[in-house]
């Protein structure tokens, strides 16, 4: 990795390389002189021979470049921000380490993800512990490790924290602002009917604020709202921020932190045109600064947009089954989900 990619020669040099021109593959990918896919200077066929298949292959420098892009975009617009790696997008210790080295904080949603983040060297204070079904063991693991923030997702969790915690803990309350973005139903999370967080429209979020304020161990420092994933339209973010600001006024809360989630879409097809990182960041920063005075520290949680296009999966073709006049099935050594 990191070596200079060979230059195409012969007839191939006059043709347009569809890989290099595609937004789907890791930056710098190309077809080499043998017609093989090459990522970060590595021949994917050679990688498959060496490591076996199926194999996840990620371009480290592409991941780093995307992390730096987020940090630059925020730094150009505000001094009070934090970019969290939404690690469910690629939960492996090497990826955590890359994001830590680039200066990101991290969002974890299980004891396993917390373990990997700590193994990768993250300062516990920069770890945000999510999850809508945290076990007693996970709550204790997180708080004893000294994580910076717990994100509270239910009254059940508040009760268990009050029962389990041995020291004060900064928390954010996750709210569902009632905004339904234009994306697949399975990855919409900000509408009223969501397994995540406390609703605003049904006043459950007000009750959560009251409960946390009355707690001996929980210190409310902000709110969290995530409206969905793989989002191409930016306007729903503005609406969500407006709704949250109205809620803060209603409950007389001046948040120190406001986590406005992640969700930026990526290109899965050459024809997909997701918003740029700069546009995404600009909408969120301007949205918060417009309705909050003073503006809280702005947090975002990119995941897919950091790693999705930085990687590919390599498979081997096994059985080929032709149904004459109907279809040809090509089986690969991956799961049904692939």
Protein backbone atom coordinates (compact mmCIF):
# COMPACT_ATOMS: atom_id res chain seq x y z
CA UNK A 1 0.00 0.00 0.00
CA UNK A 2 1.18 3.49 -0.80
CA UNK A 3 3.38 2.43 -3.71
CA UNK A 4 3.16 4.28 -6.98
CA UNK A 5 0.51 2.73 -9.19
CA UNK A 6 1.83 1.47 -12.53
CA UNK A 7 0.91 3.43 -15.62
CA UNK A 8 -1.31 1.72 -18.14
CA UNK A 9 0.47 0.98 -21.38
CA UNK A 10 -0.45 -0.09 -24.88
CA UNK A 11 -4.02 -0.05 -26.10
CA UNK A 12 -5.39 0.34 -22.61
CA UNK A 13 -3.68 3.73 -22.23
CA UNK A 14 -5.96 5.32 -24.82
CA UNK A 15 -9.17 4.13 -23.22
CA UNK A 16 -11.05 5.79 -20.38
CA UNK A 17 -10.57 3.81 -17.17
CA UNK A 18 -14.12 3.33 -15.83
CA UNK A 19 -12.74 2.52 -12.37
CA UNK A 20 -10.64 5.67 -12.05
CA UNK A 21 -13.57 7.79 -13.23
CA UNK A 22 -16.08 6.21 -10.85
CA UNK A 23 -17.16 7.81 -7.53
CA UNK A 24 -17.92 4.35 -6.18
CA UNK A 25 -14.39 2.96 -5.82
CA UNK A 26 -11.69 4.16 -3.38
CA UNK A 27 -9.86 7.29 -4.54
CA UNK A 28 -6.92 6.45 -6.80
CA UNK A 29 -8.30 3.07 -7.88
CA UNK A 30 -7.64 2.02 -11.46
CA UNK A 31 -7.31 -0.88 -13.86
CA UNK A 32 -3.66 -1.84 -14.19
CA UNK A 33 -1.86 -3.09 -17.30
CA UNK A 34 -3.17 -6.62 -16.66
CA UNK A 35 -6.75 -5.40 -16.53
CA UNK A 36 -6.95 -6.05 -12.78
CA UNK A 37 -8.56 -3.72 -10.29
CA UNK A 38 -5.88 -1.89 -8.34
CA UNK A 39 -6.54 -0.16 -5.02
CA UNK A 40 -3.90 1.96 -3.26
CA UNK A 41 -1.26 0.47 -5.54
CA UNK A 42 -2.28 -3.11 -4.72
CA UNK A 43 -3.53 -5.62 -7.29
CA UNK A 44 -6.82 -7.00 -5.93
CA UNK A 45 -6.28 -10.38 -7.62
CA UNK A 46 -2.95 -10.69 -5.83
CA UNK A 47 -4.58 -9.71 -2.54
CA UNK A 48 -7.22 -12.41 -3.03
CA UNK A 49 -4.51 -14.99 -3.76
CA UNK A 50 -2.55 -13.97 -0.67
CA UNK A 51 -5.32 -13.53 1.89
CA UNK A 52 -8.14 -15.65 0.50
CA UNK A 53 -11.72 -14.63 -0.11
CA UNK A 54 -14.09 -13.19 0.81
CA UNK A 55 -11.84 -10.27 1.77
CA UNK A 56 -12.62 -6.75 2.87
CA UNK A 57 -10.13 -4.35 1.30
CA UNK A 58 -9.86 -0.73 2.45
CA UNK A 59 -7.70 2.12 1.17
CA UNK A 60 -6.30 3.63 4.34
CA UNK A 61 -5.28 6.94 2.79
CA UNK A 62 -8.78 7.39 1.36
CA UNK A 63 -10.25 6.99 4.86
CA UNK A 64 -7.74 9.46 6.27
CA UNK A 65 -8.47 11.99 3.53
CA UNK A 66 -12.20 11.87 4.23
CA UNK A 67 -11.63 12.36 7.98
CA UNK A 68 -9.41 15.37 7.27
CA UNK A 69 -12.02 16.76 4.91
CA UNK A 70 -14.63 16.75 7.70
CA UNK A 71 -12.26 18.48 10.11
CA UNK A 72 -11.28 21.14 7.57
CA UNK A 73 -14.90 21.79 6.65
CA UNK A 74 -15.83 22.39 10.28
CA UNK A 75 -12.74 24.40 11.16
CA UNK A 76 -13.53 26.81 8.33
CA UNK A 77 -16.96 27.53 9.83
CA UNK A 78 -16.77 27.24 13.62
CA UNK A 79 -14.34 26.77 16.50
CA UNK A 80 -16.70 24.66 18.59
CA UNK A 81 -17.21 21.26 16.96
CA UNK A 82 -16.43 17.58 17.32
CA UNK A 83 -16.43 14.94 14.60
CA UNK A 84 -17.23 11.43 15.82
CA UNK A 85 -16.49 8.28 13.88
CA UNK A 86 -19.75 6.29 13.78
CA UNK A 87 -17.90 3.05 14.19
CA UNK A 88 -20.74 0.68 13.37
CA UNK A 89 -19.87 1.49 9.75
CA UNK A 90 -16.56 -0.40 10.06
CA UNK A 91 -16.00 -1.83 13.55
CA UNK A 92 -12.44 -3.12 13.49
CA UNK A 93 -9.53 -2.01 15.63
CA UNK A 94 -7.40 -0.85 12.68
CA UNK A 95 -10.17 1.52 11.51
CA UNK A 96 -10.60 2.91 15.02
CA UNK A 97 -6.85 3.55 15.17
CA UNK A 98 -6.86 5.41 11.84
CA UNK A 99 -9.69 7.69 12.96
CA UNK A 100 -8.04 8.37 16.31
CA UNK A 101 -4.79 9.29 14.60
CA UNK A 102 -6.68 11.74 12.39
CA UNK A 103 -8.12 13.52 15.42
CA UNK A 104 -11.70 12.24 15.44
CA UNK A 105 -13.69 11.22 18.49
CA UNK A 106 -15.79 8.03 18.32
CA UNK A 107 -19.35 6.80 18.66
CA UNK A 108 -19.74 3.24 19.92
CA UNK A 109 -22.97 1.28 20.34
CA UNK A 110 -21.96 -1.91 22.16
CA UNK A 111 -19.48 -3.33 24.60
CA UNK A 112 -17.57 -4.87 21.70
CA UNK A 113 -17.23 -1.55 19.88
CA UNK A 114 -16.18 0.13 23.13
CA UNK A 115 -13.53 -2.55 23.65
CA UNK A 116 -12.09 -1.99 20.17
CA UNK A 117 -12.08 1.80 20.56
CA UNK A 118 -10.14 1.50 23.80
CA UNK A 119 -7.74 -1.03 22.27
CA UNK A 120 -7.11 1.44 19.44
CA UNK A 121 -6.01 4.04 21.97
CA UNK A 122 -8.98 6.39 22.10
CA UNK A 123 -9.03 8.67 25.12
CA UNK A 124 -12.15 7.48 27.00
CA UNK A 125 -13.24 11.11 27.33
CA UNK A 126 -13.65 11.21 23.53
CA UNK A 127 -15.88 8.12 23.43
CA UNK A 128 -19.65 8.54 23.17
CA UNK A 129 -21.61 5.44 24.21
CA UNK A 130 -24.78 4.84 22.19
CA UNK A 131 -27.16 1.90 21.96
CA UNK A 132 -30.92 1.53 22.43
CA UNK A 133 -30.52 -1.70 24.41
CA UNK A 134 -27.47 -1.25 26.65
CA UNK A 135 -27.07 -4.05 29.15
CA UNK A 136 -26.14 -3.47 32.78
CA UNK A 137 -22.69 -4.81 31.96
CA UNK A 138 -22.25 -2.36 29.07
CA UNK A 139 -23.32 0.62 31.18
CA UNK A 140 -20.83 -0.34 33.88
CA UNK A 141 -18.08 -1.07 31.36
CA UNK A 142 -18.55 2.36 29.79
CA UNK A 143 -18.77 4.39 32.97
CA UNK A 144 -15.90 2.59 34.70
CA UNK A 145 -13.77 3.17 31.60
CA UNK A 146 -14.53 6.88 31.93
CA UNK A 147 -16.36 7.47 28.64
CA UNK A 148 -17.10 11.10 27.97
CA UNK A 149 -20.82 10.74 27.37
CA UNK A 150 -23.64 8.24 27.60
CA UNK A 151 -26.45 8.84 25.12
CA UNK A 152 -29.69 7.95 26.91
CA UNK A 153 -32.32 6.25 24.80
CA UNK A 154 -35.17 5.18 27.10
CA UNK A 155 -36.70 5.57 30.55
CA UNK A 156 -35.63 2.01 31.25
CA UNK A 157 -32.03 3.02 30.65
CA UNK A 158 -32.34 6.07 32.91
CA UNK A 159 -33.61 3.84 35.72
CA UNK A 160 -30.77 1.38 35.27
CA UNK A 161 -28.18 4.16 35.23
CA UNK A 162 -29.58 5.55 38.48
CA UNK A 163 -29.36 2.08 39.99
CA UNK A 164 -25.91 1.16 38.67
CA UNK A 165 -23.80 4.29 38.52
CA UNK A 166 -21.20 4.88 41.18
CA UNK A 167 -20.06 8.37 40.07
CA UNK A 168 -21.44 11.35 38.13
CA UNK A 169 -21.79 10.83 34.38
CA UNK A 170 -22.34 13.40 31.62
CA UNK A 171 -25.20 12.36 29.36
CA UNK A 172 -27.06 13.42 26.24
CA UNK A 173 -30.71 12.60 25.70
CA UNK A 174 -31.54 11.21 22.28
CA UNK A 175 -34.68 12.78 20.85
CA UNK A 176 -36.73 11.94 17.77
CA UNK A 177 -37.67 15.26 16.17
CA UNK A 178 -40.47 13.89 13.97
CA UNK A 179 -38.58 14.52 10.73
CA UNK A 180 -38.82 11.82 8.08
CA UNK A 181 -36.06 12.20 5.46
CA UNK A 182 -36.21 10.85 1.93
CA UNK A 183 -34.38 7.55 2.34
CA UNK A 184 -35.24 3.87 2.78
CA UNK A 185 -37.74 3.15 5.57
CA UNK A 186 -35.28 0.80 7.27
CA UNK A 187 -32.73 3.57 7.85
CA UNK A 188 -35.09 6.36 8.89
CA UNK A 189 -34.64 7.05 12.60
CA UNK A 190 -35.95 10.56 13.27
CA UNK A 191 -39.68 10.01 12.83
CA UNK A 192 -42.05 9.64 15.79
CA UNK A 193 -42.35 5.85 15.33
CA UNK A 194 -38.70 4.99 15.96
CA UNK A 195 -37.00 2.43 18.16
CA UNK A 196 -34.47 5.13 19.07
CA UNK A 197 -34.80 7.99 21.52
CA UNK A 198 -37.60 10.02 23.08
CA UNK A 199 -40.31 11.62 20.98
CA UNK A 200 -40.90 15.36 20.98
CA UNK A 201 -44.45 15.29 19.65
CA UNK A 202 -45.65 12.89 22.36
CA UNK A 203 -43.80 14.83 25.12
CA UNK A 204 -41.71 11.84 26.16
CA UNK A 205 -38.56 13.91 25.67
CA UNK A 206 -39.85 16.46 28.19
CA UNK A 207 -40.31 13.67 30.70
CA UNK A 208 -36.78 12.41 30.03
CA UNK A 209 -35.32 15.87 30.69
CA UNK A 210 -37.22 16.07 33.98
CA UNK A 211 -36.03 12.61 35.05
CA UNK A 212 -32.39 13.28 34.26
CA UNK A 213 -32.45 16.67 35.96
CA UNK A 214 -33.73 14.95 39.11
CA UNK A 215 -31.03 12.25 39.02
CA UNK A 216 -28.17 12.18 41.53
CA UNK A 217 -25.65 10.72 39.08
CA UNK A 218 -26.70 11.92 35.62
CA UNK A 219 -25.61 15.34 34.37
CA UNK A 220 -27.53 16.55 31.30
CA UNK A 221 -25.14 18.39 28.97
CA UNK A 222 -26.94 18.18 25.65
CA UNK A 223 -29.19 16.50 23.12
CA UNK A 224 -28.69 14.03 20.32
CA UNK A 225 -30.82 13.65 17.18
CA UNK A 226 -30.19 11.41 14.17
CA UNK A 227 -32.83 11.40 11.45
CA UNK A 228 -31.56 8.57 9.25
CA UNK A 229 -28.87 7.21 6.99
CA UNK A 230 -27.96 7.42 3.29
CA UNK A 231 -29.55 10.87 2.98
CA UNK A 232 -29.11 12.94 -0.19
CA UNK A 233 -31.37 15.89 0.72
CA UNK A 234 -30.01 18.43 3.23
CA UNK A 235 -33.20 20.35 4.03
CA UNK A 236 -34.46 17.78 6.60
CA UNK A 237 -31.42 18.56 8.75
CA UNK A 238 -32.42 22.22 8.92
CA UNK A 239 -35.97 21.28 9.93
CA UNK A 240 -34.70 18.92 12.64
CA UNK A 241 -32.43 21.60 14.12
CA UNK A 242 -35.31 24.09 14.18
CA UNK A 243 -37.52 21.59 16.00
CA UNK A 244 -34.81 20.84 18.56
CA UNK A 245 -34.26 24.54 19.21
CA UNK A 246 -37.97 24.95 19.90
CA UNK A 247 -37.86 22.04 22.32
CA UNK A 248 -34.88 23.53 24.16
CA UNK A 249 -36.81 26.77 24.60
CA UNK A 250 -39.82 24.88 25.92
CA UNK A 251 -37.84 23.00 28.59
CA UNK A 252 -35.46 25.91 29.30
CA UNK A 253 -32.38 23.96 28.27
CA UNK A 254 -29.23 25.64 27.00
CA UNK A 255 -27.28 22.63 25.70
CA UNK A 256 -23.51 22.60 25.92
CA UNK A 257 -23.43 19.96 23.19
CA UNK A 258 -25.77 19.34 20.29
CA UNK A 259 -25.18 16.13 18.35
CA UNK A 260 -26.95 16.50 15.02
CA UNK A 261 -26.19 12.94 13.92
CA UNK A 262 -24.73 11.61 10.72
CA UNK A 263 -26.49 10.22 7.68
CA UNK A 264 -24.67 11.74 4.70
CA UNK A 265 -25.26 9.45 1.73
CA UNK A 266 -22.63 8.02 -0.59
CA UNK A 267 -22.56 6.86 -4.20
CA UNK A 268 -23.37 3.19 -4.70
CA UNK A 269 -23.87 3.71 -8.43
CA UNK A 270 -21.94 5.91 -10.84
CA UNK A 271 -25.15 7.90 -11.36
CA UNK A 272 -25.59 8.72 -7.65
CA UNK A 273 -24.80 12.33 -6.71
CA UNK A 274 -24.74 12.74 -2.92
CA UNK A 275 -24.08 16.16 -1.36
CA UNK A 276 -20.47 17.07 -0.66
CA UNK A 277 -18.99 16.97 2.82
CA UNK A 278 -18.62 20.76 2.69
CA UNK A 279 -22.30 21.25 1.84
CA UNK A 280 -23.36 18.84 4.57
CA UNK A 281 -21.23 20.56 7.22
CA UNK A 282 -22.30 24.03 6.09
CA UNK A 283 -25.98 23.20 6.45
CA UNK A 284 -25.53 21.87 9.96
CA UNK A 285 -23.30 24.66 11.22
CA UNK A 286 -25.45 27.45 9.77
CA UNK A 287 -28.59 25.71 11.00
CA UNK A 288 -27.35 25.56 14.59
CA UNK A 289 -25.88 29.06 14.62
CA UNK A 290 -29.11 30.52 13.28
CA UNK A 291 -31.35 29.26 16.08
CA UNK A 292 -29.03 28.97 19.11
CA UNK A 293 -27.37 31.89 20.90
CA UNK A 294 -24.87 31.08 22.17
CA UNK A 295 -24.35 28.14 19.84
CA UNK A 296 -23.51 24.84 21.53
CA UNK A 297 -20.59 22.66 20.49
CA UNK A 298 -21.76 20.97 17.29
CA UNK A 299 -21.23 17.22 17.00
CA UNK A 300 -21.70 15.03 13.95
CA UNK A 301 -21.33 11.27 13.52
CA UNK A 302 -20.22 10.36 9.98
CA UNK A 303 -19.68 6.68 9.33
CA UNK A 304 -20.70 5.52 5.87
CA UNK A 305 -19.30 8.71 4.29
CA UNK A 306 -15.90 8.04 5.90
CA UNK A 307 -15.46 4.40 4.95
CA UNK A 308 -18.19 3.28 2.52
CA UNK A 309 -16.44 4.24 -0.70
CA UNK A 310 -12.98 3.60 0.75
CA UNK A 311 -13.47 -0.17 0.59
CA UNK A 312 -14.53 -3.08 -1.55
CA UNK A 313 -15.17 -6.76 -0.92
CA UNK A 314 -13.43 -9.34 -3.07
CA UNK A 315 -15.18 -12.65 -3.77
CA UNK A 316 -14.41 -15.71 -5.84
CA UNK A 317 -16.91 -17.03 -8.31
CA UNK A 318 -17.88 -20.63 -7.60
CA UNK A 319 -20.83 -22.24 -9.30
CA UNK A 320 -22.28 -20.79 -12.50
CA UNK A 321 -25.80 -21.99 -13.25
CA UNK A 322 -27.49 -21.06 -16.50
CA UNK A 323 -31.25 -21.28 -16.93
CA UNK A 324 -31.63 -21.07 -20.72
CA UNK A 325 -33.61 -18.07 -21.85
CA UNK A 326 -34.22 -16.90 -18.27
CA UNK A 327 -31.15 -16.00 -16.24
CA UNK A 328 -27.59 -16.98 -15.37
CA UNK A 329 -26.83 -17.32 -11.65
CA UNK A 330 -23.23 -16.66 -10.59
CA UNK A 331 -22.56 -17.80 -7.01
CA UNK A 332 -19.81 -16.16 -4.95
CA UNK A 333 -18.23 -17.13 -1.63
CA UNK A 334 -20.15 -14.51 0.38
CA UNK A 335 -23.33 -14.52 2.38
CA UNK A 336 -26.89 -14.08 1.16
CA UNK A 337 -26.74 -10.43 2.27
CA UNK A 338 -23.98 -9.82 -0.26
